[in-house]
Amino acid sequence: DFFDDLLNFLKDGDYNYKEIWKNEFLKSNVISFKDGKLSSEVLLEIYREHISCALSDNLSEQKISFVNNITECLLPNIIPLLWFDVYTFNPSDALEENFKSLYDIIKQWCEKDREFGNSGKGYLGEGKKPQWEKETALLILDVYPKLTKKNIKRIIRTIKQMINDKVFKDNSREQKKLLWLKDRDFEIIQKYTGE
């Protein structure tokens, strides 16, 4: 497949992605939601496969650049911070009944640092577009079918319990991440579960 070959080529070098994506064919083949439908399941699967491979090894600056740039080029209308918060949280595992408790998984997520997908695009500053929030939420709900309204409420309820239990010190980095996971991530996604 063309895109599979292209991503294999790009991940092994230092390229100007924005220049490459000026190509009309590439610009017309991005992952987006139109009329509530995903533009390309195949392209999304290729993207996810390459991102997963890049993130499964020790992260080099080149791999971080690849993950950030490919996300920006192939998913131009999403909020990277929201997408990667949920991607690294991995609801598919977190909501498994026989897996670790949700409480422990959330705690572990808050304690980990992340070197990729930290762009605040869509949350802060100029260029904020309201549709970015909706498109990101719809993409997440498409990729993670376990994120039903019931399960999102369960996640939010668990986070609130952790806040009440004072799992992390006030104003610590971990506590801020815990609040972000609730306010900036799952409460946003919850708004679109009925669509």
N, C-alpha and C. Protein backbone atom coordinates (compact mmCIF):
# COMPACT_ATOMS: atom_id res chain seq x y z
N ASP A 1 0.84 -1.19 0.00
CA ASP A 1 0.00 0.00 0.00
C ASP A 1 0.88 1.25 0.00
N PHE A 2 0.44 2.27 -0.73
CA PHE A 2 1.23 3.50 -0.87
C PHE A 2 1.53 4.15 0.48
N PHE A 3 0.51 4.30 1.32
CA PHE A 3 0.72 4.99 2.60
C PHE A 3 1.57 4.17 3.56
N ASP A 4 1.42 2.87 3.52
CA ASP A 4 2.25 2.00 4.34
C ASP A 4 3.72 2.17 3.95
N ASP A 5 4.00 2.17 2.65
CA ASP A 5 5.37 2.36 2.16
C ASP A 5 5.88 3.76 2.51
N LEU A 6 5.02 4.75 2.38
CA LEU A 6 5.42 6.13 2.68
C LEU A 6 5.82 6.29 4.15
N LEU A 7 5.02 5.73 5.05
CA LEU A 7 5.33 5.86 6.48
C LEU A 7 6.58 5.06 6.84
N ASN A 8 6.77 3.92 6.20
CA ASN A 8 8.01 3.16 6.41
C ASN A 8 9.23 3.98 6.00
N PHE A 9 9.10 4.70 4.90
CA PHE A 9 10.18 5.54 4.40
C PHE A 9 10.44 6.72 5.35
N LEU A 10 9.38 7.39 5.79
CA LEU A 10 9.53 8.60 6.60
C LEU A 10 10.09 8.33 7.99
N LYS A 11 9.77 7.18 8.57
CA LYS A 11 10.18 6.94 9.96
C LYS A 11 11.68 6.75 10.12
N ASP A 12 12.37 6.52 9.01
CA ASP A 12 13.82 6.27 9.08
C ASP A 12 14.67 7.47 8.69
N GLY A 13 14.07 8.65 8.60
CA GLY A 13 14.86 9.82 8.20
C GLY A 13 14.34 11.11 8.79
N ASP A 14 15.05 12.17 8.50
CA ASP A 14 14.69 13.50 8.99
C ASP A 14 14.14 14.29 7.82
N TYR A 15 12.82 14.43 7.74
CA TYR A 15 12.19 15.05 6.58
C TYR A 15 11.33 16.23 7.00
N ASN A 16 11.08 17.11 6.02
CA ASN A 16 10.18 18.23 6.23
C ASN A 16 8.77 17.76 5.85
N TYR A 17 8.02 17.34 6.84
CA TYR A 17 6.70 16.75 6.60
C TYR A 17 5.73 17.75 5.97
N LYS A 18 5.82 19.00 6.41
CA LYS A 18 4.89 20.01 5.88
C LYS A 18 5.10 20.23 4.39
N GLU A 19 6.36 20.18 3.97
CA GLU A 19 6.66 20.32 2.54
C GLU A 19 6.11 19.12 1.77
N ILE A 20 6.33 17.92 2.32
CA ILE A 20 5.85 16.69 1.65
C ILE A 20 4.34 16.72 1.52
N TRP A 21 3.64 17.18 2.58
CA TRP A 21 2.18 17.16 2.58
C TRP A 21 1.55 18.32 1.82
N LYS A 22 2.37 19.12 1.11
CA LYS A 22 1.81 20.11 0.20
C LYS A 22 1.30 19.44 -1.08
N ASN A 23 1.72 18.20 -1.29
CA ASN A 23 1.27 17.42 -2.43
C ASN A 23 -0.26 17.27 -2.37
N GLU A 24 -0.92 17.55 -3.49
CA GLU A 24 -2.39 17.56 -3.53
C GLU A 24 -2.99 16.20 -3.19
N PHE A 25 -2.36 15.12 -3.65
CA PHE A 25 -2.87 13.78 -3.35
C PHE A 25 -2.83 13.51 -1.86
N LEU A 26 -1.71 13.87 -1.22
CA LEU A 26 -1.58 13.63 0.23
C LEU A 26 -2.57 14.51 1.00
N LYS A 27 -2.70 15.75 0.58
CA LYS A 27 -3.63 16.66 1.28
C LYS A 27 -5.07 16.18 1.19
N SER A 28 -5.38 15.48 0.10
CA SER A 28 -6.77 15.01 -0.07
C SER A 28 -7.01 13.65 0.59
N ASN A 29 -5.95 13.05 1.11
CA ASN A 29 -6.08 11.75 1.78
C ASN A 29 -5.65 11.89 3.25
N VAL A 30 -6.56 12.39 4.05
CA VAL A 30 -6.31 12.52 5.48
C VAL A 30 -7.44 11.81 6.22
N ILE A 31 -7.23 11.59 7.52
CA ILE A 31 -8.24 10.92 8.34
C ILE A 31 -9.11 12.00 8.96
N SER A 32 -10.39 11.96 8.65
CA SER A 32 -11.31 12.97 9.18
C SER A 32 -12.71 12.38 9.29
N PHE A 33 -13.59 13.14 9.93
CA PHE A 33 -14.99 12.75 10.03
C PHE A 33 -15.83 13.71 9.19
N LYS A 34 -16.61 13.14 8.28
CA LYS A 34 -17.51 13.95 7.46
C LYS A 34 -18.90 13.37 7.61
N ASP A 35 -19.83 14.20 7.99
CA ASP A 35 -21.20 13.75 8.22
C ASP A 35 -21.25 12.58 9.20
N GLY A 36 -20.38 12.65 10.22
CA GLY A 36 -20.36 11.63 11.26
C GLY A 36 -19.72 10.32 10.86
N LYS A 37 -19.07 10.29 9.67
CA LYS A 37 -18.44 9.05 9.21
C LYS A 37 -16.94 9.24 9.03
N LEU A 38 -16.19 8.21 9.37
CA LEU A 38 -14.75 8.23 9.22
C LEU A 38 -14.39 8.16 7.74
N SER A 39 -13.45 9.02 7.32
CA SER A 39 -13.09 9.10 5.89
C SER A 39 -12.40 7.84 5.39
N SER A 40 -11.56 7.21 6.22
CA SER A 40 -10.84 6.01 5.76
C SER A 40 -10.41 5.13 6.93
N GLU A 41 -11.11 4.01 7.08
CA GLU A 41 -10.73 3.03 8.11
C GLU A 41 -9.35 2.45 7.81
N VAL A 42 -9.07 2.24 6.52
CA VAL A 42 -7.79 1.64 6.11
C VAL A 42 -6.63 2.55 6.49
N LEU A 43 -6.74 3.83 6.18
CA LEU A 43 -5.67 4.78 6.49
C LEU A 43 -5.49 4.93 8.00
N LEU A 44 -6.60 4.89 8.74
CA LEU A 44 -6.52 4.97 10.20
C LEU A 44 -5.76 3.76 10.75
N GLU A 45 -6.03 2.58 10.21
CA GLU A 45 -5.34 1.37 10.68
C GLU A 45 -3.85 1.42 10.36
N ILE A 46 -3.50 1.92 9.17
CA ILE A 46 -2.09 2.06 8.81
C ILE A 46 -1.40 3.03 9.75
N TYR A 47 -2.05 4.16 10.01
CA TYR A 47 -1.51 5.17 10.95
C TYR A 47 -1.30 4.56 12.34
N ARG A 48 -2.31 3.88 12.85
CA ARG A 48 -2.23 3.32 14.20
C ARG A 48 -1.14 2.25 14.30
N GLU A 49 -1.02 1.45 13.26
CA GLU A 49 0.00 0.40 13.25
C GLU A 49 1.41 1.01 13.32
N HIS A 50 1.64 2.06 12.54
CA HIS A 50 2.96 2.70 12.52
C HIS A 50 3.24 3.45 13.82
N ILE A 51 2.21 4.08 14.37
CA ILE A 51 2.39 4.79 15.64
C ILE A 51 2.71 3.78 16.75
N SER A 52 1.97 2.68 16.78
CA SER A 52 2.21 1.65 17.81
C SER A 52 3.62 1.09 17.72
N CYS A 53 4.09 0.83 16.49
CA CYS A 53 5.46 0.31 16.31
C CYS A 53 6.49 1.33 16.79
N ALA A 54 6.29 2.59 16.43
CA ALA A 54 7.24 3.64 16.81
C ALA A 54 7.30 3.80 18.32
N LEU A 55 6.15 3.63 18.99
CA LEU A 55 6.09 3.86 20.43
C LEU A 55 6.42 2.61 21.25
N SER A 56 6.58 1.47 20.57
CA SER A 56 6.85 0.24 21.32
C SER A 56 8.34 0.09 21.66
N ASP A 57 9.19 0.82 20.95
CA ASP A 57 10.63 0.76 21.20
C ASP A 57 11.06 1.91 22.10
N ASN A 58 12.36 1.93 22.40
CA ASN A 58 12.89 3.09 23.12
C ASN A 58 12.72 4.32 22.24
N LEU A 59 12.16 5.36 22.81
CA LEU A 59 11.83 6.54 22.01
C LEU A 59 13.06 7.41 21.77
N SER A 60 13.40 7.59 20.51
CA SER A 60 14.45 8.52 20.13
C SER A 60 13.78 9.83 19.71
N GLU A 61 14.57 10.89 19.58
CA GLU A 61 14.00 12.16 19.11
C GLU A 61 13.40 11.99 17.72
N GLN A 62 14.03 11.16 16.90
CA GLN A 62 13.53 10.92 15.54
C GLN A 62 12.15 10.27 15.58
N LYS A 63 11.96 9.30 16.48
CA LYS A 63 10.66 8.62 16.57
C LYS A 63 9.59 9.56 17.14
N ILE A 64 9.97 10.39 18.10
CA ILE A 64 9.03 11.37 18.64
C ILE A 64 8.59 12.33 17.54
N SER A 65 9.57 12.78 16.74
CA SER A 65 9.27 13.67 15.61
C SER A 65 8.35 12.98 14.61
N PHE A 66 8.60 11.71 14.33
CA PHE A 66 7.77 10.94 13.40
C PHE A 66 6.33 10.87 13.90
N VAL A 67 6.17 10.51 15.16
CA VAL A 67 4.82 10.38 15.75
C VAL A 67 4.08 11.72 15.71
N ASN A 68 4.74 12.79 16.12
CA ASN A 68 4.10 14.11 16.14
C ASN A 68 3.75 14.59 14.74
N ASN A 69 4.70 14.44 13.81
CA ASN A 69 4.48 14.96 12.45
C ASN A 69 3.46 14.16 11.66
N ILE A 70 3.52 12.84 11.78
CA ILE A 70 2.55 12.01 11.05
C ILE A 70 1.14 12.26 11.58
N THR A 71 1.02 12.45 12.88
CA THR A 71 -0.29 12.75 13.47
C THR A 71 -0.81 14.08 12.94
N GLU A 72 0.05 15.07 12.91
CA GLU A 72 -0.37 16.39 12.43
C GLU A 72 -0.76 16.35 10.95
N CYS A 73 -0.04 15.55 10.15
CA CYS A 73 -0.32 15.49 8.71
C CYS A 73 -1.53 14.63 8.37
N LEU A 74 -1.66 13.47 9.01
CA LEU A 74 -2.75 12.55 8.68
C LEU A 74 -4.05 12.84 9.44
N LEU A 75 -3.92 13.49 10.59
CA LEU A 75 -5.12 13.87 11.36
C LEU A 75 -5.07 15.38 11.64
N PRO A 76 -5.22 16.19 10.60
CA PRO A 76 -5.01 17.64 10.75
C PRO A 76 -6.08 18.36 11.57
N ASN A 77 -7.22 17.70 11.79
CA ASN A 77 -8.34 18.38 12.46
C ASN A 77 -8.61 17.87 13.86
N ILE A 78 -7.59 17.32 14.51
CA ILE A 78 -7.79 16.84 15.88
C ILE A 78 -6.93 17.62 16.86
N ILE A 79 -7.21 17.40 18.15
CA ILE A 79 -6.42 17.97 19.24
C ILE A 79 -5.44 16.88 19.68
N PRO A 80 -4.15 16.99 19.32
CA PRO A 80 -3.20 15.92 19.63
C PRO A 80 -3.14 15.56 21.11
N LEU A 81 -3.23 16.56 21.98
CA LEU A 81 -3.15 16.32 23.42
C LEU A 81 -4.28 15.40 23.89
N LEU A 82 -5.48 15.67 23.43
CA LEU A 82 -6.65 14.85 23.80
C LEU A 82 -6.52 13.45 23.20
N TRP A 83 -6.14 13.36 21.94
CA TRP A 83 -6.00 12.06 21.26
C TRP A 83 -4.98 11.18 21.97
N PHE A 84 -3.79 11.74 22.28
CA PHE A 84 -2.74 10.92 22.87
C PHE A 84 -2.96 10.68 24.36
N ASP A 85 -3.69 11.54 25.04
CA ASP A 85 -4.06 11.25 26.43
C ASP A 85 -4.85 9.94 26.47
N VAL A 86 -5.83 9.82 25.59
CA VAL A 86 -6.69 8.63 25.59
C VAL A 86 -5.93 7.44 24.98
N TYR A 87 -5.14 7.68 23.95
CA TYR A 87 -4.36 6.62 23.31
C TYR A 87 -3.43 5.95 24.33
N THR A 88 -2.75 6.74 25.13
CA THR A 88 -1.82 6.16 26.12
C THR A 88 -2.56 5.60 27.33
N PHE A 89 -3.74 6.10 27.61
CA PHE A 89 -4.57 5.54 28.68
C PHE A 89 -5.07 4.15 28.26
N ASN A 90 -5.32 3.98 26.97
CA ASN A 90 -5.72 2.71 26.37
C ASN A 90 -6.98 2.11 27.02
N PRO A 91 -8.15 2.69 26.71
CA PRO A 91 -9.41 2.20 27.30
C PRO A 91 -9.68 0.72 27.03
N SER A 92 -9.15 0.19 25.92
CA SER A 92 -9.40 -1.22 25.60
C SER A 92 -8.91 -2.13 26.72
N ASP A 93 -7.76 -1.80 27.30
CA ASP A 93 -7.23 -2.58 28.43
C ASP A 93 -7.82 -2.11 29.75
N ALA A 94 -7.94 -0.80 29.90
CA ALA A 94 -8.39 -0.23 31.17
C ALA A 94 -9.78 -0.70 31.56
N LEU A 95 -10.60 -1.00 30.56
CA LEU A 95 -11.99 -1.38 30.86
C LEU A 95 -12.22 -2.89 30.82
N GLU A 96 -11.13 -3.65 30.72
CA GLU A 96 -11.25 -5.12 30.83
C GLU A 96 -11.54 -5.50 32.28
N GLU A 97 -12.53 -6.33 32.47
CA GLU A 97 -12.92 -6.70 33.83
C GLU A 97 -11.81 -7.46 34.56
N ASN A 98 -11.05 -8.26 33.84
CA ASN A 98 -10.03 -9.09 34.49
C ASN A 98 -8.66 -8.43 34.53
N PHE A 99 -8.59 -7.21 34.04
CA PHE A 99 -7.31 -6.51 34.04
C PHE A 99 -7.12 -5.86 35.42
N LYS A 100 -6.02 -5.11 35.59
CA LYS A 100 -5.82 -4.38 36.85
C LYS A 100 -7.03 -3.50 37.13
N SER A 101 -7.17 -3.09 38.35
CA SER A 101 -8.31 -2.21 38.66
C SER A 101 -8.14 -0.87 37.94
N LEU A 102 -9.27 -0.29 37.55
CA LEU A 102 -9.27 1.00 36.86
C LEU A 102 -8.55 2.06 37.70
N TYR A 103 -8.73 1.98 38.99
CA TYR A 103 -8.08 2.90 39.94
C TYR A 103 -6.56 2.85 39.75
N ASP A 104 -6.00 1.65 39.70
CA ASP A 104 -4.55 1.48 39.55
C ASP A 104 -4.06 1.94 38.18
N ILE A 105 -4.86 1.68 37.15
CA ILE A 105 -4.47 2.08 35.79
C ILE A 105 -4.42 3.60 35.66
N ILE A 106 -5.41 4.27 36.22
CA ILE A 106 -5.43 5.74 36.19
C ILE A 106 -4.23 6.30 36.95
N LYS A 107 -3.95 5.72 38.11
CA LYS A 107 -2.82 6.16 38.92
C LYS A 107 -1.51 6.01 38.14
N GLN A 108 -1.35 4.86 37.49
CA GLN A 108 -0.14 4.58 36.71
C GLN A 108 -0.02 5.57 35.54
N TRP A 109 -1.13 5.87 34.90
CA TRP A 109 -1.12 6.83 33.79
C TRP A 109 -0.65 8.21 34.26
N CYS A 110 -1.13 8.63 35.40
CA CYS A 110 -0.76 9.96 35.94
C CYS A 110 0.72 10.03 36.31
N GLU A 111 1.29 8.91 36.69
CA GLU A 111 2.69 8.88 37.14
C GLU A 111 3.69 8.82 35.99
N LYS A 112 3.21 8.51 34.78
CA LYS A 112 4.11 8.38 33.63
C LYS A 112 4.25 9.70 32.90
N ASP A 113 5.48 9.98 32.45
CA ASP A 113 5.71 11.14 31.58
C ASP A 113 5.50 10.72 30.14
N ARG A 114 5.20 11.71 29.31
CA ARG A 114 5.03 11.43 27.88
C ARG A 114 5.77 12.50 27.08
N GLU A 115 6.57 12.06 26.12
CA GLU A 115 7.39 12.99 25.35
C GLU A 115 6.80 13.31 23.98
N PHE A 116 5.65 12.77 23.67
CA PHE A 116 5.06 12.98 22.34
C PHE A 116 3.60 13.40 22.49
N GLY A 117 3.07 13.98 21.42
CA GLY A 117 1.64 14.33 21.41
C GLY A 117 1.25 15.36 22.43
N ASN A 118 2.14 16.29 22.72
CA ASN A 118 1.86 17.29 23.77
C ASN A 118 1.46 18.66 23.22
N SER A 119 1.14 18.70 21.94
CA SER A 119 0.70 19.97 21.36
C SER A 119 -0.65 20.36 21.94
N GLY A 120 -0.75 21.61 22.35
CA GLY A 120 -2.01 22.12 22.90
C GLY A 120 -2.96 22.63 21.85
N LYS A 121 -2.65 22.37 20.57
CA LYS A 121 -3.50 22.85 19.48
C LYS A 121 -4.96 22.47 19.72
N GLY A 122 -5.81 23.47 19.64
CA GLY A 122 -7.23 23.20 19.84
C GLY A 122 -7.70 23.48 21.25
N TYR A 123 -6.77 23.55 22.19
CA TYR A 123 -7.12 23.92 23.56
C TYR A 123 -6.79 25.38 23.83
N LEU A 124 -5.61 25.80 23.37
CA LEU A 124 -5.07 27.09 23.78
C LEU A 124 -4.69 27.95 22.58
N GLY A 125 -4.68 29.27 22.79
CA GLY A 125 -4.08 30.18 21.82
C GLY A 125 -4.86 30.33 20.53
N GLU A 126 -4.22 31.00 19.59
CA GLU A 126 -4.85 31.28 18.31
C GLU A 126 -5.01 30.00 17.49
N GLY A 127 -5.93 30.03 16.57
CA GLY A 127 -6.13 28.88 15.69
C GLY A 127 -7.06 27.84 16.27
N LYS A 128 -7.63 28.12 17.42
CA LYS A 128 -8.55 27.15 18.01
C LYS A 128 -9.82 27.06 17.16
N LYS A 129 -10.19 25.84 16.81
CA LYS A 129 -11.39 25.64 16.00
C LYS A 129 -12.32 24.70 16.75
N PRO A 130 -13.57 25.10 16.98
CA PRO A 130 -14.49 24.27 17.76
C PRO A 130 -14.67 22.85 17.21
N GLN A 131 -14.59 22.69 15.87
CA GLN A 131 -14.81 21.35 15.30
C GLN A 131 -13.70 20.38 15.66
N TRP A 132 -12.50 20.89 16.05
CA TRP A 132 -11.41 20.00 16.42
C TRP A 132 -11.80 19.14 17.62
N GLU A 133 -12.49 19.73 18.59
CA GLU A 133 -12.92 18.98 19.77
C GLU A 133 -13.85 17.84 19.36
N LYS A 134 -14.83 18.16 18.54
CA LYS A 134 -15.81 17.16 18.11
C LYS A 134 -15.14 16.06 17.29
N GLU A 135 -14.27 16.45 16.36
CA GLU A 135 -13.62 15.46 15.49
C GLU A 135 -12.73 14.53 16.30
N THR A 136 -12.02 15.08 17.29
CA THR A 136 -11.16 14.24 18.13
C THR A 136 -12.00 13.26 18.94
N ALA A 137 -13.09 13.76 19.52
CA ALA A 137 -13.96 12.90 20.33
C ALA A 137 -14.58 11.79 19.48
N LEU A 138 -15.03 12.12 18.28
CA LEU A 138 -15.64 11.11 17.41
C LEU A 138 -14.62 10.06 16.98
N LEU A 139 -13.39 10.50 16.72
CA LEU A 139 -12.33 9.56 16.36
C LEU A 139 -12.06 8.59 17.51
N ILE A 140 -11.95 9.13 18.71
CA ILE A 140 -11.69 8.30 19.90
C ILE A 140 -12.82 7.30 20.11
N LEU A 141 -14.06 7.75 19.97
CA LEU A 141 -15.21 6.86 20.17
C LEU A 141 -15.27 5.78 19.09
N ASP A 142 -14.78 6.09 17.88
CA ASP A 142 -14.74 5.11 16.80
C ASP A 142 -13.66 4.06 17.07
N VAL A 143 -12.50 4.51 17.54
CA VAL A 143 -11.36 3.61 17.77
C VAL A 143 -11.57 2.76 19.02
N TYR A 144 -12.24 3.33 20.03
CA TYR A 144 -12.42 2.62 21.30
C TYR A 144 -13.91 2.40 21.59
N PRO A 145 -14.51 1.36 21.00
CA PRO A 145 -15.95 1.13 21.19
C PRO A 145 -16.34 0.88 22.65
N LYS A 146 -15.36 0.50 23.49
CA LYS A 146 -15.69 0.29 24.90
C LYS A 146 -15.98 1.59 25.63
N LEU A 147 -15.68 2.71 24.98
CA LEU A 147 -15.95 4.00 25.63
C LEU A 147 -17.42 4.38 25.43
N THR A 148 -18.27 3.60 26.06
CA THR A 148 -19.70 3.91 26.07
C THR A 148 -19.95 4.99 27.12
N LYS A 149 -21.13 5.55 27.09
CA LYS A 149 -21.48 6.57 28.08
C LYS A 149 -21.33 6.01 29.50
N LYS A 150 -21.76 4.75 29.67
CA LYS A 150 -21.68 4.10 30.99
C LYS A 150 -20.23 3.98 31.45
N ASN A 151 -19.35 3.54 30.55
CA ASN A 151 -17.95 3.35 30.93
C ASN A 151 -17.22 4.67 31.15
N ILE A 152 -17.58 5.70 30.38
CA ILE A 152 -16.96 7.01 30.61
C ILE A 152 -17.37 7.54 31.98
N LYS A 153 -18.64 7.34 32.34
CA LYS A 153 -19.09 7.75 33.68
C LYS A 153 -18.33 7.00 34.76
N ARG A 154 -18.05 5.73 34.49
CA ARG A 154 -17.28 4.91 35.44
C ARG A 154 -15.86 5.47 35.61
N ILE A 155 -15.23 5.86 34.52
CA ILE A 155 -13.88 6.44 34.58
C ILE A 155 -13.91 7.75 35.37
N ILE A 156 -14.86 8.61 35.05
CA ILE A 156 -14.96 9.91 35.74
C ILE A 156 -15.24 9.70 37.23
N ARG A 157 -16.10 8.75 37.54
CA ARG A 157 -16.43 8.45 38.94
C ARG A 157 -15.18 7.97 39.70
N THR A 158 -14.38 7.14 39.04
CA THR A 158 -13.14 6.64 39.66
C THR A 158 -12.15 7.77 39.89
N ILE A 159 -12.04 8.68 38.92
CA ILE A 159 -11.13 9.84 39.08
C ILE A 159 -11.58 10.71 40.25
N LYS A 160 -12.89 10.94 40.34
CA LYS A 160 -13.41 11.75 41.46
C LYS A 160 -13.10 11.09 42.80
N GLN A 161 -13.21 9.75 42.84
CA GLN A 161 -12.88 9.01 44.07
C GLN A 161 -11.41 9.20 44.42
N MET A 162 -10.55 9.17 43.41
CA MET A 162 -9.11 9.35 43.63
C MET A 162 -8.79 10.76 44.13
N ILE A 163 -9.54 11.74 43.61
CA ILE A 163 -9.35 13.12 44.08
C ILE A 163 -9.76 13.22 45.55
N ASN A 164 -10.90 12.61 45.89
CA ASN A 164 -11.37 12.62 47.28
C ASN A 164 -10.41 11.87 48.20
N ASP A 165 -9.81 10.81 47.68
CA ASP A 165 -8.86 10.01 48.48
C ASP A 165 -7.48 10.67 48.60
N LYS A 166 -7.31 11.78 47.87
CA LYS A 166 -6.01 12.50 47.87
C LYS A 166 -4.85 11.56 47.56
N VAL A 167 -5.01 10.82 46.47
CA VAL A 167 -3.98 9.88 46.02
C VAL A 167 -2.68 10.63 45.73
N PHE A 168 -2.81 11.86 45.21
CA PHE A 168 -1.63 12.67 44.91
C PHE A 168 -1.66 13.97 45.71
N LYS A 169 -0.49 14.52 45.96
CA LYS A 169 -0.41 15.78 46.69
C LYS A 169 -1.06 16.91 45.90
N ASP A 170 -1.63 17.87 46.63
CA ASP A 170 -2.24 19.03 45.97
C ASP A 170 -1.21 19.74 45.10
N ASN A 171 -1.65 20.15 43.91
CA ASN A 171 -0.83 20.91 42.96
C ASN A 171 0.38 20.15 42.42
N SER A 172 0.45 18.85 42.68
CA SER A 172 1.55 18.05 42.11
C SER A 172 1.27 17.82 40.63
N ARG A 173 2.30 17.46 39.88
CA ARG A 173 2.16 17.17 38.46
C ARG A 173 1.14 16.04 38.24
N GLU A 174 1.20 15.04 39.12
CA GLU A 174 0.29 13.89 39.00
C GLU A 174 -1.16 14.29 39.24
N GLN A 175 -1.37 15.16 40.23
CA GLN A 175 -2.75 15.59 40.51
C GLN A 175 -3.31 16.42 39.35
N LYS A 176 -2.44 17.26 38.76
CA LYS A 176 -2.88 18.06 37.61
C LYS A 176 -3.27 17.15 36.44
N LYS A 177 -2.48 16.09 36.23
CA LYS A 177 -2.79 15.15 35.15
C LYS A 177 -4.10 14.43 35.43
N LEU A 178 -4.36 14.11 36.68
CA LEU A 178 -5.60 13.46 37.08
C LEU A 178 -6.80 14.35 36.76
N LEU A 179 -6.68 15.63 37.09
CA LEU A 179 -7.75 16.59 36.80
C LEU A 179 -7.92 16.78 35.30
N TRP A 180 -6.80 16.81 34.57
CA TRP A 180 -6.87 16.93 33.12
C TRP A 180 -7.61 15.75 32.51
N LEU A 181 -7.31 14.56 32.99
CA LEU A 181 -7.93 13.35 32.45
C LEU A 181 -9.45 13.42 32.58
N LYS A 182 -9.90 14.02 33.67
CA LYS A 182 -11.35 14.17 33.89
C LYS A 182 -11.90 15.34 33.08
N ASP A 183 -11.37 16.55 33.33
CA ASP A 183 -11.95 17.78 32.78
C ASP A 183 -11.63 17.99 31.30
N ARG A 184 -10.37 17.71 30.94
CA ARG A 184 -9.90 18.05 29.60
C ARG A 184 -10.10 16.90 28.63
N ASP A 185 -10.32 15.70 29.15
CA ASP A 185 -10.42 14.54 28.27
C ASP A 185 -11.80 13.88 28.32
N PHE A 186 -12.08 13.14 29.40
CA PHE A 186 -13.27 12.30 29.38
C PHE A 186 -14.59 13.08 29.50
N GLU A 187 -14.57 14.23 30.14
CA GLU A 187 -15.81 15.02 30.18
C GLU A 187 -16.11 15.64 28.81
N ILE A 188 -15.05 15.93 28.03
CA ILE A 188 -15.24 16.39 26.67
C ILE A 188 -15.81 15.27 25.80
N ILE A 189 -15.19 14.09 25.88
CA ILE A 189 -15.63 12.95 25.05
C ILE A 189 -17.07 12.57 25.39
N GLN A 190 -17.41 12.65 26.66
CA GLN A 190 -18.75 12.27 27.13
C GLN A 190 -19.84 13.06 26.40
N LYS A 191 -19.53 14.30 26.04
CA LYS A 191 -20.54 15.16 25.38
C LYS A 191 -20.98 14.59 24.03
N TYR A 192 -20.14 13.74 23.44
CA TYR A 192 -20.41 13.27 22.08
C TYR A 192 -20.86 11.81 22.03
N THR A 193 -21.05 11.19 23.18
CA THR A 193 -21.43 9.77 23.19
C THR A 193 -22.84 9.53 22.65
N GLY A 194 -23.65 10.55 22.66
CA GLY A 194 -25.03 10.38 22.16
C GLY A 194 -25.16 10.61 20.68
N GLU A 195 -24.03 11.02 20.01
CA GLU A 195 -24.11 11.36 18.59
C GLU A 195 -23.92 10.16 17.70
